[in-house]
């Protein structure tokens, strides 16, 4: 009996860099606290369901970190001199 199952879909962290989009989503939600992440993504002009899902999942992953929950300025201090955030590869 097989007990190990193969994962489906694109592997997590396979290389799409959404750093700028995620930063824009954080910015929209900071200015409009009642807005939902999906609404913010759609306001950026993204309408592909797969892209919306990917960005929403990345936002939730980053938003639910302990540092992000306690410190709203975490994005500013984690920015590298090159403008991209110090995140694990693929997020």
C-alpha atoms as a PDB file:
ATOM      1  CA  UNK A   1       0.000   0.000   0.000  1.00  0.00           C
ATOM      2  CA  UNK A   2       1.326   3.391  -0.956  1.00  0.00           C
ATOM      3  CA  UNK A   3       1.411   5.881   1.922  1.00  0.00           C
ATOM      4  CA  UNK A   4       3.312   8.779   0.318  1.00  0.00           C
ATOM      5  CA  UNK A   5       1.364  10.911  -2.132  1.00  0.00           C
ATOM      6  CA  UNK A   6       2.791  13.264  -4.721  1.00  0.00           C
ATOM      7  CA  UNK A   7       1.919  16.932  -4.335  1.00  0.00           C
ATOM      8  CA  UNK A   8      -0.137  18.464  -7.083  1.00  0.00           C
ATOM      9  CA  UNK A   9       0.397  21.741  -8.865  1.00  0.00           C
ATOM     10  CA  UNK A  10       3.397  24.016  -9.039  1.00  0.00           C
ATOM     11  CA  UNK A  11       5.916  23.407  -6.238  1.00  0.00           C
ATOM     12  CA  UNK A  12       5.909  26.037  -3.493  1.00  0.00           C
ATOM     13  CA  UNK A  13       8.709  28.531  -3.867  1.00  0.00           C
ATOM     14  CA  UNK A  14       9.456  27.703  -7.478  1.00  0.00           C
ATOM     15  CA  UNK A  15      10.590  31.165  -8.410  1.00  0.00           C
ATOM     16  CA  UNK A  16       7.821  33.683  -9.103  1.00  0.00           C
ATOM     17  CA  UNK A  17       8.906  36.935  -7.471  1.00  0.00           C
ATOM     18  CA  UNK A  18       5.810  38.820  -6.318  1.00  0.00           C
ATOM     19  CA  UNK A  19       7.588  41.106  -3.876  1.00  0.00           C
ATOM     20  CA  UNK A  20       6.441  44.353  -5.480  1.00  0.00           C
ATOM     21  CA  UNK A  21       2.832  43.204  -5.783  1.00  0.00           C
ATOM     22  CA  UNK A  22       2.765  41.981  -2.177  1.00  0.00           C
ATOM     23  CA  UNK A  23       4.158  45.344  -1.022  1.00  0.00           C
ATOM     24  CA  UNK A  24       1.425  47.151  -2.951  1.00  0.00           C
ATOM     25  CA  UNK A  25      -1.205  44.879  -1.373  1.00  0.00           C
ATOM     26  CA  UNK A  26       0.199  45.614   2.113  1.00  0.00           C
ATOM     27  CA  UNK A  27       0.062  49.340   1.276  1.00  0.00           C
ATOM     28  CA  UNK A  28      -3.562  49.235   0.104  1.00  0.00           C
ATOM     29  CA  UNK A  29      -4.642  47.270   3.155  1.00  0.00           C
ATOM     30  CA  UNK A  30      -2.755  49.592   5.500  1.00  0.00           C
ATOM     31  CA  UNK A  31      -4.606  52.596   4.059  1.00  0.00           C
ATOM     32  CA  UNK A  32      -7.952  50.750   4.046  1.00  0.00           C
ATOM     33  CA  UNK A  33      -8.059  48.417   7.084  1.00  0.00           C
ATOM     34  CA  UNK A  34     -11.563  47.148   6.275  1.00  0.00           C
ATOM     35  CA  UNK A  35     -10.566  45.986   2.797  1.00  0.00           C
ATOM     36  CA  UNK A  36     -10.015  42.297   2.138  1.00  0.00           C
ATOM     37  CA  UNK A  37      -6.846  41.024   0.424  1.00  0.00           C
ATOM     38  CA  UNK A  38      -8.748  39.755  -2.633  1.00  0.00           C
ATOM     39  CA  UNK A  39     -10.329  43.176  -3.149  1.00  0.00           C
ATOM     40  CA  UNK A  40      -6.921  44.857  -2.921  1.00  0.00           C
ATOM     41  CA  UNK A  41      -5.488  42.425  -5.476  1.00  0.00           C
ATOM     42  CA  UNK A  42      -8.351  43.115  -7.879  1.00  0.00           C
ATOM     43  CA  UNK A  43      -7.854  46.874  -7.435  1.00  0.00           C
ATOM     44  CA  UNK A  44      -4.309  46.374  -8.727  1.00  0.00           C
ATOM     45  CA  UNK A  45      -5.825  45.149 -11.994  1.00  0.00           C
ATOM     46  CA  UNK A  46      -5.234  41.439 -11.504  1.00  0.00           C
ATOM     47  CA  UNK A  47      -8.121  39.284 -12.639  1.00  0.00           C
ATOM     48  CA  UNK A  48      -6.584  35.848 -13.262  1.00  0.00           C
ATOM     49  CA  UNK A  49      -8.000  33.496 -10.575  1.00  0.00           C
ATOM     50  CA  UNK A  50      -4.737  31.561 -10.241  1.00  0.00           C
ATOM     51  CA  UNK A  51      -2.727  34.746  -9.734  1.00  0.00           C
ATOM     52  CA  UNK A  52      -5.269  36.077  -7.234  1.00  0.00           C
ATOM     53  CA  UNK A  53      -5.087  32.842  -5.254  1.00  0.00           C
ATOM     54  CA  UNK A  54      -1.272  32.808  -5.315  1.00  0.00           C
ATOM     55  CA  UNK A  55      -0.989  36.428  -4.151  1.00  0.00           C
ATOM     56  CA  UNK A  56      -3.675  35.994  -1.495  1.00  0.00           C
ATOM     57  CA  UNK A  57      -1.877  32.926  -0.112  1.00  0.00           C
ATOM     58  CA  UNK A  58       1.474  34.738  -0.076  1.00  0.00           C
ATOM     59  CA  UNK A  59      -0.113  37.728   1.660  1.00  0.00           C
ATOM     60  CA  UNK A  60      -1.676  35.493   4.315  1.00  0.00           C
ATOM     61  CA  UNK A  61       1.623  33.694   4.884  1.00  0.00           C
ATOM     62  CA  UNK A  62       3.498  36.969   5.397  1.00  0.00           C
ATOM     63  CA  UNK A  63       0.698  38.699   7.305  1.00  0.00           C
ATOM     64  CA  UNK A  64       0.380  35.872   9.830  1.00  0.00           C
ATOM     65  CA  UNK A  65       4.013  35.954  10.944  1.00  0.00           C
ATOM     66  CA  UNK A  66       4.472  36.939  14.616  1.00  0.00           C
ATOM     67  CA  UNK A  67       6.575  39.985  13.708  1.00  0.00           C
ATOM     68  CA  UNK A  68       3.967  41.314  11.265  1.00  0.00           C
ATOM     69  CA  UNK A  69       1.204  40.912  13.837  1.00  0.00           C
ATOM     70  CA  UNK A  70       2.992  42.905  16.541  1.00  0.00           C
ATOM     71  CA  UNK A  71       4.865  45.468  14.472  1.00  0.00           C
ATOM     72  CA  UNK A  72       3.165  47.218  11.536  1.00  0.00           C
ATOM     73  CA  UNK A  73       6.501  48.702  10.412  1.00  0.00           C
ATOM     74  CA  UNK A  74       8.111  45.313   9.873  1.00  0.00           C
ATOM     75  CA  UNK A  75       8.161  45.722   6.097  1.00  0.00           C
ATOM     76  CA  UNK A  76      10.262  48.894   6.316  1.00  0.00           C
ATOM     77  CA  UNK A  77      12.967  47.318   8.468  1.00  0.00           C
ATOM     78  CA  UNK A  78      13.143  44.069   6.490  1.00  0.00           C
ATOM     79  CA  UNK A  79      13.688  45.797   3.166  1.00  0.00           C
ATOM     80  CA  UNK A  80      17.098  45.240   1.675  1.00  0.00           C
ATOM     81  CA  UNK A  81      19.089  48.077   0.079  1.00  0.00           C
ATOM     82  CA  UNK A  82      18.000  46.740  -3.308  1.00  0.00           C
ATOM     83  CA  UNK A  83      14.297  47.233  -2.580  1.00  0.00           C
ATOM     84  CA  UNK A  84      13.247  43.606  -2.258  1.00  0.00           C
ATOM     85  CA  UNK A  85      12.166  42.112   1.040  1.00  0.00           C
ATOM     86  CA  UNK A  86      14.253  39.503   2.813  1.00  0.00           C
ATOM     87  CA  UNK A  87      11.912  36.561   2.417  1.00  0.00           C
ATOM     88  CA  UNK A  88      12.466  32.887   1.772  1.00  0.00           C
ATOM     89  CA  UNK A  89      13.076  32.125  -1.893  1.00  0.00           C
ATOM     90  CA  UNK A  90       9.832  31.989  -3.869  1.00  0.00           C
ATOM     91  CA  UNK A  91       7.592  33.953  -1.543  1.00  0.00           C
END
